[in-house]
PDB file of N, CA and C in Angstrom:
ATOM      1  N   MET A   1     104.280 118.397 108.526  1.00  0.00           N
ATOM      2  CA  MET A   1     104.039 117.711 109.784  1.00  0.00           C
ATOM      3  C   MET A   1     103.064 118.520 110.632  1.00  0.00           C
ATOM      4  N   LEU A   2     102.396 117.824 111.509  1.00  0.00           N
ATOM      5  CA  LEU A   2     101.480 118.469 112.439  1.00  0.00           C
ATOM      6  C   LEU A   2     102.251 119.243 113.491  1.00  0.00           C
ATOM      7  N   GLU A   3     101.525 120.041 114.235  1.00  0.00           N
ATOM      8  CA  GLU A   3     102.119 120.727 115.371  1.00  0.00           C
ATOM      9  C   GLU A   3     102.491 119.702 116.441  1.00  0.00           C
ATOM     10  N   ILE A   4     103.473 120.028 117.258  1.00  0.00           N
ATOM     11  CA  ILE A   4     103.923 119.117 118.312  1.00  0.00           C
ATOM     12  C   ILE A   4     102.775 118.713 119.219  1.00  0.00           C
ATOM     13  N   LYS A   5     101.924 119.650 119.599  1.00  0.00           N
ATOM     14  CA  LYS A   5     100.806 119.329 120.497  1.00  0.00           C
ATOM     15  C   LYS A   5      99.863 118.306 119.856  1.00  0.00           C
ATOM     16  N   ASP A   6      99.710 118.345 118.529  1.00  0.00           N
ATOM     17  CA  ASP A   6      98.862 117.378 117.838  1.00  0.00           C
ATOM     18  C   ASP A   6      99.541 116.014 117.752  1.00  0.00           C
ATOM     19  N   LEU A   7     100.853 116.006 117.554  1.00  0.00           N
ATOM     20  CA  LEU A   7     101.577 114.739 117.489  1.00  0.00           C
ATOM     21  C   LEU A   7     101.522 114.008 118.823  1.00  0.00           C
ATOM     22  N   ARG A   8     101.519 114.749 119.917  1.00  0.00           N
ATOM     23  CA  ARG A   8     101.447 114.119 121.240  1.00  0.00           C
ATOM     24  C   ARG A   8     100.144 113.366 121.431  1.00  0.00           C
ATOM     25  N   ARG A   9      99.071 113.863 120.857  1.00  0.00           N
ATOM     26  CA  ARG A   9      97.758 113.214 121.005  1.00  0.00           C
ATOM     27  C   ARG A   9      97.571 112.046 120.048  1.00  0.00           C
ATOM     28  N   LEU A  10      98.391 111.973 119.031  1.00  0.00           N
ATOM     29  CA  LEU A  10      98.275 110.932 118.018  1.00  0.00           C
ATOM     30  C   LEU A  10      98.724 109.588 118.584  1.00  0.00           C
ATOM     31  N   LYS A  11      97.902 108.554 118.389  1.00  0.00           N
ATOM     32  CA  LYS A  11      98.237 107.206 118.853  1.00  0.00           C
ATOM     33  C   LYS A  11      98.129 106.236 117.683  1.00  0.00           C
ATOM     34  N   ILE A  12      98.982 105.237 117.707  1.00  0.00           N
ATOM     35  CA  ILE A  12      98.912 104.151 116.736  1.00  0.00           C
ATOM     36  C   ILE A  12      98.345 102.953 117.483  1.00  0.00           C
ATOM     37  N   VAL A  13      97.241 102.404 116.958  1.00  0.00           N
ATOM     38  CA  VAL A  13      96.509 101.347 117.644  1.00  0.00           C
ATOM     39  C   VAL A  13      96.346 100.153 116.708  1.00  0.00           C
ATOM     40  N   PHE A  14      96.487  98.962 117.271  1.00  0.00           N
ATOM     41  CA  PHE A  14      96.247  97.723 116.526  1.00  0.00           C
ATOM     42  C   PHE A  14      94.927  97.132 116.994  1.00  0.00           C
ATOM     43  N   LYS A  15      94.134  96.621 116.025  1.00  0.00           N
ATOM     44  CA  LYS A  15      92.863  95.988 116.371  1.00  0.00           C
ATOM     45  C   LYS A  15      92.722  94.656 115.646  1.00  0.00           C
ATOM     46  N   LYS A  16      92.013  93.762 116.316  1.00  0.00           N
ATOM     47  CA  LYS A  16      91.658  92.485 115.702  1.00  0.00           C
ATOM     48  C   LYS A  16      90.213  92.209 116.090  1.00  0.00           C
ATOM     49  N   ASP A  17      89.381  91.958 115.118  1.00  0.00           N
ATOM     50  CA  ASP A  17      87.952  91.730 115.352  1.00  0.00           C
ATOM     51  C   ASP A  17      87.322  92.877 116.131  1.00  0.00           C
ATOM     52  N   GLY A  18      87.766  94.099 115.857  1.00  0.00           N
ATOM     53  CA  GLY A  18      87.192  95.274 116.487  1.00  0.00           C
ATOM     54  C   GLY A  18      87.692  95.573 117.889  1.00  0.00           C
ATOM     55  N   LYS A  19      88.566  94.735 118.425  1.00  0.00           N
ATOM     56  CA  LYS A  19      89.075  94.947 119.779  1.00  0.00           C
ATOM     57  C   LYS A  19      90.513  95.462 119.730  1.00  0.00           C
ATOM     58  N   ILE A  20      90.810  96.428 120.589  1.00  0.00           N
ATOM     59  CA  ILE A  20      92.166  96.968 120.663  1.00  0.00           C
ATOM     60  C   ILE A  20      93.086  95.915 121.285  1.00  0.00           C
ATOM     61  N   LEU A  21      94.222  95.700 120.639  1.00  0.00           N
ATOM     62  CA  LEU A  21      95.175  94.692 121.101  1.00  0.00           C
ATOM     63  C   LEU A  21      96.122  95.285 122.136  1.00  0.00           C
ATOM     64  N   ASP A  22      96.525  94.437 123.083  1.00  0.00           N
ATOM     65  CA  ASP A  22      97.417  94.889 124.146  1.00  0.00           C
ATOM     66  C   ASP A  22      98.730  94.119 124.095  1.00  0.00           C
ATOM     67  N   ARG A  23      99.592  94.406 125.033  1.00  0.00           N
ATOM     68  CA  ARG A  23     100.909  93.782 125.099  1.00  0.00           C
ATOM     69  C   ARG A  23     100.808  92.258 125.206  1.00  0.00           C
ATOM     70  N   ALA A  24      99.877  91.763 125.994  1.00  0.00           N
ATOM     71  CA  ALA A  24      99.733  90.319 126.210  1.00  0.00           C
ATOM     72  C   ALA A  24      99.471  89.584 124.894  1.00  0.00           C
ATOM     73  N   PHE A  25      98.686  90.178 124.017  1.00  0.00           N
ATOM     74  CA  PHE A  25      98.408  89.575 122.722  1.00  0.00           C
ATOM     75  C   PHE A  25      99.704  89.360 121.944  1.00  0.00           C
ATOM     76  N   PHE A  26     100.527  90.409 121.889  1.00  0.00           N
ATOM     77  CA  PHE A  26     101.774  90.306 121.139  1.00  0.00           C
ATOM     78  C   PHE A  26     102.790  89.410 121.844  1.00  0.00           C
ATOM     79  N   ASP A  27     102.789  89.395 123.162  1.00  0.00           N
ATOM     80  CA  ASP A  27     103.671  88.488 123.903  1.00  0.00           C
ATOM     81  C   ASP A  27     103.390  87.031 123.543  1.00  0.00           C
ATOM     82  N   ARG A  28     102.103  86.667 123.455  1.00  0.00           N
ATOM     83  CA  ARG A  28     101.739  85.292 123.078  1.00  0.00           C
ATOM     84  C   ARG A  28     102.230  84.958 121.674  1.00  0.00           C
ATOM     85  N   LEU A  29     102.059  85.902 120.739  1.00  0.00           N
ATOM     86  CA  LEU A  29     102.519  85.650 119.370  1.00  0.00           C
ATOM     87  C   LEU A  29     104.043  85.522 119.312  1.00  0.00           C
ATOM     88  N   ILE A  30     104.733  86.371 120.060  1.00  0.00           N
ATOM     89  CA  ILE A  30     106.201  86.336 120.068  1.00  0.00           C
ATOM     90  C   ILE A  30     106.710  85.002 120.580  1.00  0.00           C
ATOM     91  N   GLU A  31     106.088  84.485 121.633  1.00  0.00           N
ATOM     92  CA  GLU A  31     106.500  83.205 122.218  1.00  0.00           C
ATOM     93  C   GLU A  31     106.340  82.047 121.240  1.00  0.00           C
ATOM     94  N   ASN A  32     105.355  82.143 120.353  1.00  0.00           N
ATOM     95  CA  ASN A  32     105.045  81.033 119.439  1.00  0.00           C
ATOM     96  C   ASN A  32     105.577  81.234 118.027  1.00  0.00           C
ATOM     97  N   THR A  33     106.503  82.173 117.850  1.00  0.00           N
ATOM     98  CA  THR A  33     107.002  82.476 116.508  1.00  0.00           C
ATOM     99  C   THR A  33     108.462  82.059 116.373  1.00  0.00           C
ATOM    100  N   GLU A  34     108.724  81.296 115.334  1.00  0.00           N
ATOM    101  CA  GLU A  34     110.089  80.844 115.032  1.00  0.00           C
ATOM    102  C   GLU A  34     110.801  81.789 114.064  1.00  0.00           C
ATOM    103  N   ASP A  35     110.041  82.394 113.161  1.00  0.00           N
ATOM    104  CA  ASP A  35     110.588  83.270 112.121  1.00  0.00           C
ATOM    105  C   ASP A  35     111.175  84.538 112.758  1.00  0.00           C
ATOM    106  N   LYS A  36     112.459  84.778 112.534  1.00  0.00           N
ATOM    107  CA  LYS A  36     113.161  85.903 113.158  1.00  0.00           C
ATOM    108  C   LYS A  36     112.605  87.259 112.692  1.00  0.00           C
ATOM    109  N   ASP A  37     112.335  87.399 111.395  1.00  0.00           N
ATOM    110  CA  ASP A  37     111.788  88.658 110.897  1.00  0.00           C
ATOM    111  C   ASP A  37     110.410  88.950 111.483  1.00  0.00           C
ATOM    112  N   LEU A  38     109.564  87.923 111.520  1.00  0.00           N
ATOM    113  CA  LEU A  38     108.235  88.094 112.098  1.00  0.00           C
ATOM    114  C   LEU A  38     108.337  88.392 113.590  1.00  0.00           C
ATOM    115  N   ASN A  39     109.261  87.739 114.266  1.00  0.00           N
ATOM    116  CA  ASN A  39     109.473  87.979 115.693  1.00  0.00           C
ATOM    117  C   ASN A  39     109.863  89.446 115.935  1.00  0.00           C
ATOM    118  N   ASN A  40     110.793  89.967 115.132  1.00  0.00           N
ATOM    119  CA  ASN A  40     111.200  91.369 115.256  1.00  0.00           C
ATOM    120  C   ASN A  40     110.024  92.308 114.978  1.00  0.00           C
ATOM    121  N   PHE A  41     109.214  91.954 113.984  1.00  0.00           N
ATOM    122  CA  PHE A  41     108.036  92.743 113.651  1.00  0.00           C
ATOM    123  C   PHE A  41     107.060  92.776 114.830  1.00  0.00           C
ATOM    124  N   LEU A  42     106.818  91.631 115.429  1.00  0.00           N
ATOM    125  CA  LEU A  42     105.887  91.547 116.561  1.00  0.00           C
ATOM    126  C   LEU A  42     106.412  92.287 117.785  1.00  0.00           C
ATOM    127  N   ILE A  43     107.721  92.262 117.993  1.00  0.00           N
ATOM    128  CA  ILE A  43     108.309  93.025 119.098  1.00  0.00           C
ATOM    129  C   ILE A  43     108.081  94.518 118.853  1.00  0.00           C
ATOM    130  N   GLY A  44     108.228  94.948 117.612  1.00  0.00           N
ATOM    131  CA  GLY A  44     107.934  96.339 117.269  1.00  0.00           C
ATOM    132  C   GLY A  44     106.477  96.691 117.540  1.00  0.00           C
ATOM    133  N   CYS A  45     105.571  95.779 117.218  1.00  0.00           N
ATOM    134  CA  CYS A  45     104.148  96.002 117.495  1.00  0.00           C
ATOM    135  C   CYS A  45     103.900  96.105 118.999  1.00  0.00           C
ATOM    136  N   ARG A  46     104.553  95.239 119.759  1.00  0.00           N
ATOM    137  CA  ARG A  46     104.392  95.266 121.218  1.00  0.00           C
ATOM    138  C   ARG A  46     104.850  96.610 121.787  1.00  0.00           C
ATOM    139  N   HIS A  47     105.998  97.089 121.339  1.00  0.00           N
ATOM    140  CA  HIS A  47     106.488  98.388 121.805  1.00  0.00           C
ATOM    141  C   HIS A  47     105.561  99.522 121.366  1.00  0.00           C
ATOM    142  N   THR A  48     104.939  99.380 120.212  1.00  0.00           N
ATOM    143  CA  THR A  48     104.003 100.398 119.740  1.00  0.00           C
ATOM    144  C   THR A  48     102.788 100.482 120.657  1.00  0.00           C
ATOM    145  N   VAL A  49     102.229  99.331 121.050  1.00  0.00           N
ATOM    146  CA  VAL A  49     101.058  99.375 121.934  1.00  0.00           C
ATOM    147  C   VAL A  49     101.431  99.893 123.322  1.00  0.00           C
ATOM    148  N   GLU A  50     102.694  99.767 123.681  1.00  0.00           N
ATOM    149  CA  GLU A  50     103.170 100.315 124.960  1.00  0.00           C
ATOM    150  C   GLU A  50     103.543 101.795 124.839  1.00  0.00           C
ATOM    151  N   ARG A  51     103.429 102.326 123.627  1.00  0.00           N
ATOM    152  CA  ARG A  51     103.779 103.712 123.290  1.00  0.00           C
ATOM    153  C   ARG A  51     105.267 103.999 123.459  1.00  0.00           C
ATOM    154  N   HIS A  52     106.082 102.985 123.255  1.00  0.00           N
ATOM    155  CA  HIS A  52     107.539 103.135 123.218  1.00  0.00           C
ATOM    156  C   HIS A  52     107.920 103.242 121.741  1.00  0.00           C
ATOM    157  N   TYR A  53     107.583 104.368 121.149  1.00  0.00           N
ATOM    158  CA  TYR A  53     107.647 104.504 119.699  1.00  0.00           C
ATOM    159  C   TYR A  53     109.068 104.456 119.135  1.00  0.00           C
ATOM    160  N   THR A  54     110.031 105.029 119.819  1.00  0.00           N
ATOM    161  CA  THR A  54     111.390 104.985 119.272  1.00  0.00           C
ATOM    162  C   THR A  54     111.956 103.574 119.348  1.00  0.00           C
ATOM    163  N   GLU A  55     111.630 102.843 120.391  1.00  0.00           N
ATOM    164  CA  GLU A  55     112.072 101.446 120.503  1.00  0.00           C
ATOM    165  C   GLU A  55     111.380 100.594 119.427  1.00  0.00           C
ATOM    166  N   ALA A  56     110.104 100.842 119.203  1.00  0.00           N
ATOM    167  CA  ALA A  56     109.364 100.111 118.173  1.00  0.00           C
ATOM    168  C   ALA A  56     109.979 100.354 116.797  1.00  0.00           C
ATOM    169  N   LEU A  57     110.342 101.596 116.552  1.00  0.00           N
ATOM    170  CA  LEU A  57     110.939 101.959 115.267  1.00  0.00           C
ATOM    171  C   LEU A  57     112.187 101.128 114.997  1.00  0.00           C
ATOM    172  N   LYS A  58     113.009 100.940 116.002  1.00  0.00           N
ATOM    173  CA  LYS A  58     114.236 100.144 115.855  1.00  0.00           C
ATOM    174  C   LYS A  58     113.905  98.714 115.414  1.00  0.00           C
ATOM    175  N   TRP A  59     112.896  98.119 116.030  1.00  0.00           N
ATOM    176  CA  TRP A  59     112.544  96.731 115.700  1.00  0.00           C
ATOM    177  C   TRP A  59     111.958  96.608 114.294  1.00  0.00           C
ATOM    178  N   PHE A  60     111.190  97.595 113.882  1.00  0.00           N
ATOM    179  CA  PHE A  60     110.665  97.555 112.517  1.00  0.00           C
ATOM    180  C   PHE A  60     111.775  97.759 111.487  1.00  0.00           C
ATOM    181  N   LEU A  61     112.773  98.560 111.832  1.00  0.00           N
ATOM    182  CA  LEU A  61     113.891  98.780 110.914  1.00  0.00           C
ATOM    183  C   LEU A  61     114.704  97.506 110.680  1.00  0.00           C
ATOM    184  N   ILE A  62     114.820  96.648 111.686  1.00  0.00           N
ATOM    185  CA  ILE A  62     115.607  95.416 111.504  1.00  0.00           C
ATOM    186  C   ILE A  62     114.756  94.238 111.032  1.00  0.00           C
ATOM    187  N   SER A  63     113.450  94.416 111.000  1.00  0.00           N
ATOM    188  CA  SER A  63     112.566  93.351 110.531  1.00  0.00           C
ATOM    189  C   SER A  63     112.516  93.353 109.010  1.00  0.00           C
ATOM    190  N   GLY A  64     112.463  92.176 108.448  1.00  0.00           N
ATOM    191  CA  GLY A  64     112.343  92.048 106.998  1.00  0.00           C
ATOM    192  C   GLY A  64     110.909  91.831 106.551  1.00  0.00           C
ATOM    193  N   CYS A  65     109.944  91.986 107.446  1.00  0.00           N
ATOM    194  CA  CYS A  65     108.539  91.782 107.087  1.00  0.00           C
ATOM    195  C   CYS A  65     108.061  92.873 106.144  1.00  0.00           C
ATOM    196  N   ASP A  66     107.152  92.486 105.273  1.00  0.00           N
ATOM    197  CA  ASP A  66     106.702  93.403 104.228  1.00  0.00           C
ATOM    198  C   ASP A  66     105.898  94.591 104.749  1.00  0.00           C
ATOM    199  N   ASP A  67     105.277  94.485 105.898  1.00  0.00           N
ATOM    200  CA  ASP A  67     104.512  95.611 106.443  1.00  0.00           C
ATOM    201  C   ASP A  67     105.340  96.524 107.340  1.00  0.00           C
ATOM    202  N   SER A  68     106.599  96.224 107.527  1.00  0.00           N
ATOM    203  CA  SER A  68     107.456  97.070 108.368  1.00  0.00           C
ATOM    204  C   SER A  68     107.548  98.483 107.829  1.00  0.00           C
ATOM    205  N   ARG A  69     107.614  98.615 106.520  1.00  0.00           N
ATOM    206  CA  ARG A  69     107.746  99.937 105.893  1.00  0.00           C
ATOM    207  C   ARG A  69     106.571 100.844 106.273  1.00  0.00           C
ATOM    208  N   VAL A  70     105.365 100.302 106.271  1.00  0.00           N
ATOM    209  CA  VAL A  70     104.169 101.075 106.630  1.00  0.00           C
ATOM    210  C   VAL A  70     104.284 101.576 108.064  1.00  0.00           C
ATOM    211  N   LEU A  71     104.698 100.708 108.959  1.00  0.00           N
ATOM    212  CA  LEU A  71     104.787 101.095 110.365  1.00  0.00           C
ATOM    213  C   LEU A  71     105.947 102.048 110.618  1.00  0.00           C
ATOM    214  N   ILE A  72     107.013 101.919 109.866  1.00  0.00           N
ATOM    215  CA  ILE A  72     108.127 102.879 109.972  1.00  0.00           C
ATOM    216  C   ILE A  72     107.627 104.270 109.565  1.00  0.00           C
ATOM    217  N   ILE A  73     106.843 104.342 108.505  1.00  0.00           N
ATOM    218  CA  ILE A  73     106.289 105.627 108.058  1.00  0.00           C
ATOM    219  C   ILE A  73     105.387 106.216 109.141  1.00  0.00           C
ATOM    220  N   LEU A  74     104.511 105.390 109.702  1.00  0.00           N
ATOM    221  CA  LEU A  74     103.604 105.886 110.743  1.00  0.00           C
ATOM    222  C   LEU A  74     104.368 106.362 111.975  1.00  0.00           C
ATOM    223  N   LEU A  75     105.349 105.578 112.398  1.00  0.00           N
ATOM    224  CA  LEU A  75     106.115 105.952 113.587  1.00  0.00           C
ATOM    225  C   LEU A  75     106.966 107.193 113.352  1.00  0.00           C
ATOM    226  N   SER A  76     107.572 107.292 112.173  1.00  0.00           N
ATOM    227  CA  SER A  76     108.384 108.478 111.903  1.00  0.00           C
ATOM    228  C   SER A  76     107.493 109.714 111.836  1.00  0.00           C
ATOM    229  N   TYR A  77     106.275 109.558 111.336  1.00  0.00           N
ATOM    230  CA  TYR A  77     105.322 110.666 111.336  1.00  0.00           C
ATOM    231  C   TYR A  77     104.956 111.041 112.776  1.00  0.00           C
ATOM    232  N   LYS A  78     104.639 110.036 113.575  1.00  0.00           N
ATOM    233  CA  LYS A  78     104.272 110.268 114.975  1.00  0.00           C
ATOM    234  C   LYS A  78     105.399 110.972 115.737  1.00  0.00           C
ATOM    235  N   LEU A  79     106.625 110.570 115.460  1.00  0.00           N
ATOM    236  CA  LEU A  79     107.778 111.137 116.163  1.00  0.00           C
ATOM    237  C   LEU A  79     108.243 112.465 115.558  1.00  0.00           C
ATOM    238  N   GLY A  80     107.666 112.842 114.426  1.00  0.00           N
ATOM    239  CA  GLY A  80     108.048 114.099 113.781  1.00  0.00           C
ATOM    240  C   GLY A  80     109.395 114.025 113.091  1.00  0.00           C
ATOM    241  N   ASP A  81     109.797 112.829 112.671  1.00  0.00           N
ATOM    242  CA  ASP A  81     111.090 112.620 112.015  1.00  0.00           C
ATOM    243  C   ASP A  81     110.913 112.745 110.501  1.00  0.00           C
ATOM    244  N   ASP A  82     111.063 113.955 109.987  1.00  0.00           N
ATOM    245  CA  ASP A  82     110.882 114.205 108.559  1.00  0.00           C
ATOM    246  C   ASP A  82     111.857 113.416 107.690  1.00  0.00           C
ATOM    247  N   PHE A  83     113.098 113.295 108.146  1.00  0.00           N
ATOM    248  CA  PHE A  83     114.106 112.600 107.354  1.00  0.00           C
ATOM    249  C   PHE A  83     113.714 111.137 107.138  1.00  0.00           C
ATOM    250  N   LEU A  84     113.397 110.442 108.214  1.00  0.00           N
ATOM    251  CA  LEU A  84     113.039 109.026 108.110  1.00  0.00           C
ATOM    252  C   LEU A  84     111.735 108.858 107.326  1.00  0.00           C
ATOM    253  N   PHE A  85     110.791 109.742 107.553  1.00  0.00           N
ATOM    254  CA  PHE A  85     109.527 109.684 106.813  1.00  0.00           C
ATOM    255  C   PHE A  85     109.797 109.781 105.313  1.00  0.00           C
ATOM    256  N   ASP A  86     110.604 110.748 104.907  1.00  0.00           N
ATOM    257  CA  ASP A  86     110.910 110.928 103.492  1.00  0.00           C
ATOM    258  C   ASP A  86     111.684 109.759 102.901  1.00  0.00           C
ATOM    259  N   GLU A  87     112.523 109.126 103.713  1.00  0.00           N
ATOM    260  CA  GLU A  87     113.299 107.973 103.242  1.00  0.00           C
ATOM    261  C   GLU A  87     112.410 106.781 102.907  1.00  0.00           C
ATOM    262  N   TYR A  88     111.359 106.560 103.687  1.00  0.00           N
ATOM    263  CA  TYR A  88     110.529 105.364 103.527  1.00  0.00           C
ATOM    264  C   TYR A  88     109.215 105.605 102.790  1.00  0.00           C
ATOM    265  N   TYR A  89     108.819 106.849 102.667  1.00  0.00           N
ATOM    266  CA  TYR A  89     107.549 107.153 102.013  1.00  0.00           C
ATOM    267  C   TYR A  89     107.645 106.916 100.514  1.00  0.00           C
ATOM    268  N   GLU A  90     106.615 106.285  99.959  1.00  0.00           N
ATOM    269  CA  GLU A  90     106.455 106.118  98.516  1.00  0.00           C
ATOM    270  C   GLU A  90     105.013 106.427  98.170  1.00  0.00           C
ATOM    271  N   GLU A  91     104.803 107.086  97.077  1.00  0.00           N
ATOM    272  CA  GLU A  91     103.445 107.436  96.648  1.00  0.00           C
ATOM    273  C   GLU A  91     102.580 106.186  96.475  1.00  0.00           C
ATOM    274  N   ASP A  92     103.152 105.154  95.874  1.00  0.00           N
ATOM    275  CA  ASP A  92     102.404 103.917  95.625  1.00  0.00           C
ATOM    276  C   ASP A  92     102.828 102.826  96.598  1.00  0.00           C
ATOM    277  N   LEU A  93     102.858 103.152  97.858  1.00  0.00           N
ATOM    278  CA  LEU A  93     103.270 102.207  98.893  1.00  0.00           C
ATOM    279  C   LEU A  93     102.351 100.987  98.894  1.00  0.00           C
ATOM    280  N   ASP A  94     102.956  99.823  98.830  1.00  0.00           N
ATOM    281  CA  ASP A  94     102.191  98.585  98.877  1.00  0.00           C
ATOM    282  C   ASP A  94     102.188  98.033 100.290  1.00  0.00           C
ATOM    283  N   PHE A  95     101.013  97.680 100.741  1.00  0.00           N
ATOM    284  CA  PHE A  95     100.906  96.998 102.020  1.00  0.00           C
ATOM    285  C   PHE A  95     101.235  95.536 101.781  1.00  0.00           C
ATOM    286  N   GLY A  96     101.876  94.923 102.747  1.00  0.00           N
ATOM    287  CA  GLY A  96     102.257  93.525 102.610  1.00  0.00           C
ATOM    288  C   GLY A  96     101.179  92.594 103.121  1.00  0.00           C
ATOM    289  N   GLU A  97     101.601  91.377 103.377  1.00  0.00           N
ATOM    290  CA  GLU A  97     100.672  90.339 103.818  1.00  0.00           C
ATOM    291  C   GLU A  97     100.767  90.039 105.310  1.00  0.00           C
ATOM    292  N   THR A  98     101.775  90.563 105.990  1.00  0.00           N
ATOM    293  CA  THR A  98     102.003  90.204 107.388  1.00  0.00           C
ATOM    294  C   THR A  98     100.802  90.539 108.265  1.00  0.00           C
ATOM    295  N   LEU A  99     100.361  91.776 108.243  1.00  0.00           N
ATOM    296  CA  LEU A  99      99.221  92.175 109.073  1.00  0.00           C
ATOM    297  C   LEU A  99      97.949  91.441 108.654  1.00  0.00           C
ATOM    298  N   LYS A 100      97.789  91.240 107.348  1.00  0.00           N
ATOM    299  CA  LYS A 100      96.609  90.536 106.842  1.00  0.00           C
ATOM    300  C   LYS A 100      96.577  89.095 107.352  1.00  0.00           C
ATOM    301  N   LYS A 101      97.727  88.414 107.309  1.00  0.00           N
ATOM    302  CA  LYS A 101      97.804  87.033 107.800  1.00  0.00           C
ATOM    303  C   LYS A 101      97.491  86.944 109.289  1.00  0.00           C
ATOM    304  N   LEU A 102      97.917  87.957 110.036  1.00  0.00           N
ATOM    305  CA  LEU A 102      97.672  87.976 111.481  1.00  0.00           C
ATOM    306  C   LEU A 102      96.262  88.462 111.815  1.00  0.00           C
ATOM    307  N   GLY A 103      95.557  88.991 110.826  1.00  0.00           N
ATOM    308  CA  GLY A 103      94.202  89.497 111.051  1.00  0.00           C
ATOM    309  C   GLY A 103      94.178  90.805 111.831  1.00  0.00           C
ATOM    310  N   ILE A 104      95.250  91.585 111.713  1.00  0.00           N
ATOM    311  CA  ILE A 104      95.398  92.823 112.486  1.00  0.00           C
ATOM    312  C   ILE A 104      95.196  94.029 111.573  1.00  0.00           C
ATOM    313  N   GLU A 105      94.457  95.013 112.079  1.00  0.00           N
ATOM    314  CA  GLU A 105      94.289  96.280 111.385  1.00  0.00           C
ATOM    315  C   GLU A 105      94.962  97.367 112.203  1.00  0.00           C
ATOM    316  N   VAL A 106      95.505  98.375 111.509  1.00  0.00           N
ATOM    317  CA  VAL A 106      96.204  99.473 112.171  1.00  0.00           C
ATOM    318  C   VAL A 106      95.349 100.727 112.048  1.00  0.00           C
ATOM    319  N   TYR A 107      95.270 101.477 113.144  1.00  0.00           N
ATOM    320  CA  TYR A 107      94.494 102.721 113.189  1.00  0.00           C
ATOM    321  C   TYR A 107      95.329 103.835 113.782  1.00  0.00           C
ATOM    322  N   LEU A 108      95.046 105.054 113.340  1.00  0.00           N
ATOM    323  CA  LEU A 108      95.578 106.253 113.973  1.00  0.00           C
ATOM    324  C   LEU A 108      94.442 106.883 114.755  1.00  0.00           C
ATOM    325  N   GLN A 109      94.697 107.197 116.015  1.00  0.00           N
ATOM    326  CA  GLN A 109      93.705 107.867 116.846  1.00  0.00           C
ATOM    327  C   GLN A 109      94.196 109.261 117.195  1.00  0.00           C
ATOM    328  N   THR A 110      93.291 110.215 117.047  1.00  0.00           N
ATOM    329  CA  THR A 110      93.571 111.582 117.457  1.00  0.00           C
ATOM    330  C   THR A 110      92.386 112.032 118.288  1.00  0.00           C
ATOM    331  N   GLY A 111      92.527 111.986 119.587  1.00  0.00           N
ATOM    332  CA  GLY A 111      91.392 112.319 120.454  1.00  0.00           C
ATOM    333  C   GLY A 111      90.280 111.319 120.245  1.00  0.00           C
ATOM    334  N   GLU A 112      89.111 111.809 119.832  1.00  0.00           N
ATOM    335  CA  GLU A 112      87.957 110.920 119.613  1.00  0.00           C
ATOM    336  C   GLU A 112      87.945 110.322 118.208  1.00  0.00           C
ATOM    337  N   ASP A 113      88.699 110.902 117.296  1.00  0.00           N
ATOM    338  CA  ASP A 113      88.703 110.453 115.905  1.00  0.00           C
ATOM    339  C   ASP A 113      89.647 109.267 115.717  1.00  0.00           C
ATOM    340  N   GLU A 114      89.226 108.365 114.829  1.00  0.00           N
ATOM    341  CA  GLU A 114      90.027 107.183 114.548  1.00  0.00           C
ATOM    342  C   GLU A 114      90.015 106.947 113.044  1.00  0.00           C
ATOM    343  N   TYR A 115      91.192 106.662 112.482  1.00  0.00           N
ATOM    344  CA  TYR A 115      91.326 106.474 111.046  1.00  0.00           C
ATOM    345  C   TYR A 115      92.036 105.155 110.771  1.00  0.00           C
ATOM    346  N   ARG A 116      91.411 104.345 109.925  1.00  0.00           N
ATOM    347  CA  ARG A 116      92.051 103.089 109.528  1.00  0.00           C
ATOM    348  C   ARG A 116      93.199 103.425 108.589  1.00  0.00           C
ATOM    349  N   VAL A 117      94.343 102.810 108.822  1.00  0.00           N
ATOM    350  CA  VAL A 117      95.519 103.084 108.001  1.00  0.00           C
ATOM    351  C   VAL A 117      95.402 102.314 106.689  1.00  0.00           C
ATOM    352  N   ASP A 118      95.418 103.061 105.597  1.00  0.00           N
ATOM    353  CA  ASP A 118      95.406 102.488 104.260  1.00  0.00           C
ATOM    354  C   ASP A 118      96.250 103.388 103.349  1.00  0.00           C
ATOM    355  N   LYS A 119      96.291 103.065 102.073  1.00  0.00           N
ATOM    356  CA  LYS A 119      97.114 103.849 101.138  1.00  0.00           C
ATOM    357  C   LYS A 119      96.714 105.317 101.117  1.00  0.00           C
ATOM    358  N   ASP A 120      95.412 105.565 101.144  1.00  0.00           N
ATOM    359  CA  ASP A 120      94.937 106.951 101.091  1.00  0.00           C
ATOM    360  C   ASP A 120      95.383 107.737 102.316  1.00  0.00           C
ATOM    361  N   LEU A 121      95.312 107.132 103.488  1.00  0.00           N
ATOM    362  CA  LEU A 121      95.739 107.829 104.701  1.00  0.00           C
ATOM    363  C   LEU A 121      97.235 108.117 104.664  1.00  0.00           C
ATOM    364  N   ILE A 122      98.029 107.157 104.178  1.00  0.00           N
ATOM    365  CA  ILE A 122      99.479 107.362 104.081  1.00  0.00           C
ATOM    366  C   ILE A 122      99.774 108.533 103.135  1.00  0.00           C
ATOM    367  N   ARG A 123      99.048 108.602 102.017  1.00  0.00           N
ATOM    368  CA  ARG A 123      99.233 109.731 101.085  1.00  0.00           C
ATOM    369  C   ARG A 123      98.873 111.061 101.747  1.00  0.00           C
ATOM    370  N   GLU A 124      97.827 111.054 102.555  1.00  0.00           N
ATOM    371  CA  GLU A 124      97.416 112.275 103.257  1.00  0.00           C
ATOM    372  C   GLU A 124      98.452 112.720 104.272  1.00  0.00           C
ATOM    373  N   LEU A 125      99.134 111.773 104.913  1.00  0.00           N
ATOM    374  CA  LEU A 125     100.165 112.133 105.883  1.00  0.00           C
ATOM    375  C   LEU A 125     101.256 112.975 105.222  1.00  0.00           C
ATOM    376  N   ASN A 126     101.567 112.651 103.992  1.00  0.00           N
ATOM    377  CA  ASN A 126     102.613 113.372 103.268  1.00  0.00           C
ATOM    378  C   ASN A 126     102.201 114.823 102.987  1.00  0.00           C
ATOM    379  N   LYS A 127     100.902 115.100 102.941  1.00  0.00           N
ATOM    380  CA  LYS A 127     100.420 116.432 102.634  1.00  0.00           C
ATOM    381  C   LYS A 127     100.250 117.315 103.859  1.00  0.00           C
ATOM    382  N   ILE A 128     100.169 116.707 105.019  1.00  0.00           N
ATOM    383  CA  ILE A 128      99.906 117.466 106.254  1.00  0.00           C
ATOM    384  C   ILE A 128     101.151 118.194 106.705  1.00  0.00           C
TER     385      ILE A 128
END
C-alpha cells in the first residue's frame, strides 16, 4: 500500500465523454432506475463522487452489479484496507458490463496525474 499521505491525495473519478461526473448526474440515474442492484451501484457511485468512500463501499458490497468488485478493490485500496483488498482482488479480474452500458469510465487521480482504471492498473495496485 501507499503511504497515508499519498492515499489522501488519491481520488476516484467517474467520467463520461471526457467530463467529470457529479452528484447530480448520479441522482438523475438513481431516480430513473427500477433495478435494485443497479440502484445500489449508482448510490455507491454517487457517494464516491462526494468522497464518502466508506459509505460508497457499503453500497457496492450490497450491489449485485458485475462492476462492483472493481470499485470495491479501488475503494479498499484508497482506504488502505488490506484485508478487503485481498478478499476481492483477482489477478484476472474481469470488468463487467455495467459501466460500459452507462458509458462511464473510472479514473484514479493523484495530484496532476490521472490513470484510467483497467486490468493493468488493478494489477499494479497489488504491487504497490
